[in-house]
Amino acid sequence: MFRFVIGPDDNLVPDLEERLPGRGLWLSGERDMVNTACDKGLFARAARRSVKVPADLAGHLDGIMVRRCLDYLGLARRAGEVVAGFEKVKTRLRKNKGGVLLQAGDGADDGRDKIKALASGMALVDVFTAAELGKALGRDNAVHVVMNEGRLAERLLRETGRLMVFRGFSR
C-alpha cells in the first residue's frame, strides 16, 4: 500500500517512508489502482478538497521505488555487504553465504540459470536492468549481485516486493 499526503500547496505527495506529517491517504499498491484513482479524482474525494495530482503519478511512483531500491543496494555496497560479477557471486553461493540474489532481467538466460541453480532457497530479485544494477554499484553494468543477510537486505526485499506488486509481477 502507498501513503500519500496533501501538501500546504494542495499538491499530492507520495510518502513511501510513511513519515510525513498530516493525515495520510492510503491506496492499494497496484499501478491500475493508482491510475484509476487519478482518472476518477478519488484523491480529492478522499481529502474532501481540491488536490493537484502529478500528471504521471504512476510513472513518478515507479521511479521513486526504483531509486529507493537501488539506494539500498548502493548503501550495502559501501558497507561491504555486496559482491558482484559471475565468478564472485558463484564463489559466494558455493560457500552458502548471501541473503539476496539480484539478477538483471536483461541478462543472458544461461548465466542467470547457472547462478539460480546455486541459489536455491535464496530470495531472488530480477526486476532491474544490468545498467540500473551497475549504476547502483558504480559500474557500467552488473548482471549478478549477492547481498549479505541483514537489515539492508530486509529493507531491499520489502521495497522490491512493493515494486513487483506495482509492476504486476508475481512474488
Protein backbone atom coordinates (compact mmCIF):
# COMPACT_ATOMS: atom_id res chain seq x y z
CA MET A 1 0.00 0.00 0.00
CA PHE A 2 1.03 3.56 -0.62
CA ARG A 3 0.54 6.52 1.65
CA PHE A 4 0.00 9.98 0.20
CA VAL A 5 -0.29 13.32 1.95
CA ILE A 6 -1.57 16.67 0.75
CA GLY A 7 0.99 19.47 0.99
CA PRO A 8 0.14 23.03 2.04
CA ASP A 9 0.05 23.98 -1.65
CA ASP A 10 -2.60 21.25 -2.29
CA ASN A 11 -0.10 19.03 -4.14
CA LEU A 12 -0.38 15.27 -3.67
CA VAL A 13 2.91 13.91 -2.29
CA PRO A 14 3.80 10.19 -2.15
CA ASP A 15 5.03 9.22 1.31
CA LEU A 16 6.68 5.85 0.78
CA GLU A 17 8.58 6.06 4.07
CA GLU A 18 5.25 6.74 5.85
CA ARG A 19 6.75 9.54 7.94
CA LEU A 20 5.42 12.81 6.54
CA PRO A 21 3.12 14.79 8.83
CA GLY A 22 -0.56 15.13 8.13
CA ARG A 23 -3.48 12.89 7.51
CA GLY A 24 -2.50 10.18 5.11
CA LEU A 25 -4.48 8.87 2.18
CA TRP A 26 -3.85 5.16 1.63
CA LEU A 27 -4.11 3.40 -1.70
CA SER A 28 -3.54 -0.16 -2.85
CA GLY A 29 -0.09 -0.82 -4.31
CA GLU A 30 -1.09 -1.75 -7.88
CA ARG A 31 -0.43 0.53 -10.85
CA ASP A 32 -4.03 0.12 -12.07
CA MET A 33 -5.37 1.38 -8.75
CA VAL A 34 -3.14 4.45 -8.88
CA ASN A 35 -4.25 5.22 -12.44
CA THR A 36 -7.92 4.71 -11.54
CA ALA A 37 -7.61 7.00 -8.51
CA CYS A 38 -6.05 9.69 -10.69
CA ASP A 39 -8.61 9.34 -13.50
CA LYS A 40 -11.65 9.39 -11.23
CA GLY A 41 -10.47 12.11 -8.85
CA LEU A 42 -10.51 9.80 -5.85
CA PHE A 43 -7.73 11.67 -4.05
CA ALA A 44 -9.80 14.88 -3.99
CA ARG A 45 -12.86 12.96 -2.85
CA ALA A 46 -10.97 11.24 -0.02
CA ALA A 47 -9.33 14.50 1.09
CA ARG A 48 -12.62 16.42 0.76
CA ARG A 49 -10.85 19.28 -1.01
CA SER A 50 -9.18 20.04 -4.32
CA VAL A 51 -5.90 18.24 -4.87
CA LYS A 52 -3.24 18.77 -7.54
CA VAL A 53 -2.21 15.32 -8.76
CA PRO A 54 1.04 15.00 -10.79
CA ALA A 55 0.45 14.25 -14.47
CA ASP A 56 2.12 10.83 -14.48
CA LEU A 57 1.75 9.76 -10.86
CA ALA A 58 2.23 6.05 -11.66
CA GLY A 59 5.48 6.71 -13.52
CA HIS A 60 6.64 9.01 -10.72
CA LEU A 61 5.94 6.30 -8.10
CA ASP A 62 7.77 3.69 -10.17
CA GLY A 63 10.81 5.95 -10.41
CA ILE A 64 10.79 6.67 -6.68
CA MET A 65 10.58 2.97 -5.80
CA VAL A 66 13.39 2.01 -8.20
CA ARG A 67 15.58 4.78 -6.79
CA ARG A 68 14.88 3.65 -3.20
CA CYS A 69 15.77 0.03 -4.02
CA LEU A 70 18.97 0.97 -5.79
CA ASP A 71 19.89 3.36 -2.98
CA TYR A 72 19.70 0.43 -0.54
CA LEU A 73 21.92 -1.59 -2.87
CA GLY A 74 24.44 1.25 -3.12
CA LEU A 75 24.46 1.65 0.64
CA ALA A 76 25.11 -2.08 1.03
CA ARG A 77 27.99 -1.82 -1.46
CA ARG A 78 29.58 0.98 0.54
CA ALA A 79 29.17 -1.12 3.69
CA GLY A 80 30.93 -4.07 2.04
CA GLU A 81 27.79 -6.21 2.06
CA VAL A 82 27.62 -6.83 -1.71
CA VAL A 83 29.51 -8.99 -4.19
CA ALA A 84 29.02 -8.55 -7.95
CA GLY A 85 30.16 -10.44 -11.02
CA PHE A 86 29.55 -14.00 -12.20
CA GLU A 87 32.63 -15.65 -10.66
CA LYS A 88 32.50 -13.77 -7.35
CA VAL A 89 28.79 -14.49 -6.95
CA LYS A 90 29.32 -18.14 -7.86
CA THR A 91 32.09 -18.45 -5.26
CA ARG A 92 29.97 -16.76 -2.59
CA LEU A 93 26.97 -19.01 -3.31
CA ARG A 94 29.10 -22.17 -3.21
CA LYS A 95 30.12 -21.17 0.31
CA ASN A 96 26.39 -20.84 1.14
CA LYS A 97 26.81 -17.18 2.01
CA GLY A 98 24.39 -14.50 0.99
CA GLY A 99 20.91 -13.29 1.68
CA VAL A 100 19.52 -11.83 -1.54
CA LEU A 101 20.40 -12.65 -5.13
CA LEU A 102 19.82 -9.83 -7.59
CA GLN A 103 19.99 -10.61 -11.30
CA ALA A 104 19.49 -8.25 -14.19
CA GLY A 105 16.27 -9.01 -16.04
CA ASP A 106 18.03 -8.34 -19.34
CA GLY A 107 21.00 -10.63 -18.58
CA ALA A 108 21.75 -13.77 -20.60
CA ASP A 109 19.49 -16.67 -19.64
CA ASP A 110 22.23 -19.31 -19.46
CA GLY A 111 24.32 -17.37 -16.93
CA ARG A 112 21.26 -16.45 -14.90
CA ASP A 113 20.14 -20.08 -14.81
CA LYS A 114 23.58 -21.28 -13.64
CA ILE A 115 23.59 -18.79 -10.77
CA LYS A 116 19.94 -19.50 -9.88
CA ALA A 117 20.76 -23.20 -9.56
CA LEU A 118 23.36 -22.40 -6.90
CA ALA A 119 21.00 -20.09 -5.01
CA SER A 120 18.20 -22.47 -4.11
CA GLY A 121 16.12 -21.22 -1.23
CA MET A 122 17.54 -17.72 -1.52
CA ALA A 123 15.47 -14.60 -2.19
CA LEU A 124 15.69 -13.63 -5.88
CA VAL A 125 15.12 -10.17 -7.31
CA ASP A 126 15.15 -9.76 -11.08
CA VAL A 127 13.21 -6.56 -11.78
CA PHE A 128 16.20 -4.32 -12.57
CA THR A 129 18.27 -3.97 -15.73
CA ALA A 130 22.01 -4.53 -15.85
CA ALA A 131 22.52 -0.78 -16.26
CA GLU A 132 20.42 0.00 -13.17
CA LEU A 133 22.29 -2.54 -11.03
CA GLY A 134 25.60 -1.31 -12.40
CA LYS A 135 24.78 2.31 -11.65
CA ALA A 136 23.98 1.44 -8.02
CA LEU A 137 27.32 -0.36 -7.73
CA GLY A 138 29.44 2.25 -9.51
CA ARG A 139 29.92 0.16 -12.66
CA ASP A 140 28.64 0.25 -16.22
CA ASN A 141 26.70 -3.00 -15.88
CA ALA A 142 26.11 -5.71 -13.30
CA VAL A 143 24.11 -8.85 -14.07
CA HIS A 144 24.74 -10.95 -10.93
CA VAL A 145 24.81 -9.46 -7.43
CA VAL A 146 24.62 -11.06 -3.97
CA MET A 147 23.80 -9.06 -0.86
CA ASN A 148 24.53 -10.38 2.63
CA GLU A 149 21.70 -11.03 5.05
CA GLY A 150 20.82 -8.20 7.38
CA ARG A 151 18.70 -5.11 7.77
CA LEU A 152 19.64 -3.64 4.41
CA ALA A 153 18.67 -6.89 2.70
CA GLU A 154 15.34 -6.91 4.54
CA ARG A 155 14.61 -3.33 3.52
CA LEU A 156 15.62 -4.05 -0.06
CA LEU A 157 13.30 -7.06 -0.16
CA ARG A 158 10.42 -5.01 1.24
CA GLU A 159 10.89 -2.27 -1.35
CA THR A 160 11.39 -4.65 -4.27
CA GLY A 161 8.27 -6.54 -3.16
CA ARG A 162 6.30 -3.30 -3.40
CA LEU A 163 7.84 -2.57 -6.79
CA MET A 164 6.99 -6.04 -8.08
CA VAL A 165 3.37 -5.72 -6.95
CA PHE A 166 3.19 -2.28 -8.55
CA ARG A 167 4.59 -3.57 -11.84
CA GLY A 168 2.32 -6.63 -11.79
CA PHE A 169 4.97 -9.31 -11.25
CA SER A 170 4.13 -12.34 -9.17
CA ARG A 171 6.17 -12.50 -5.97
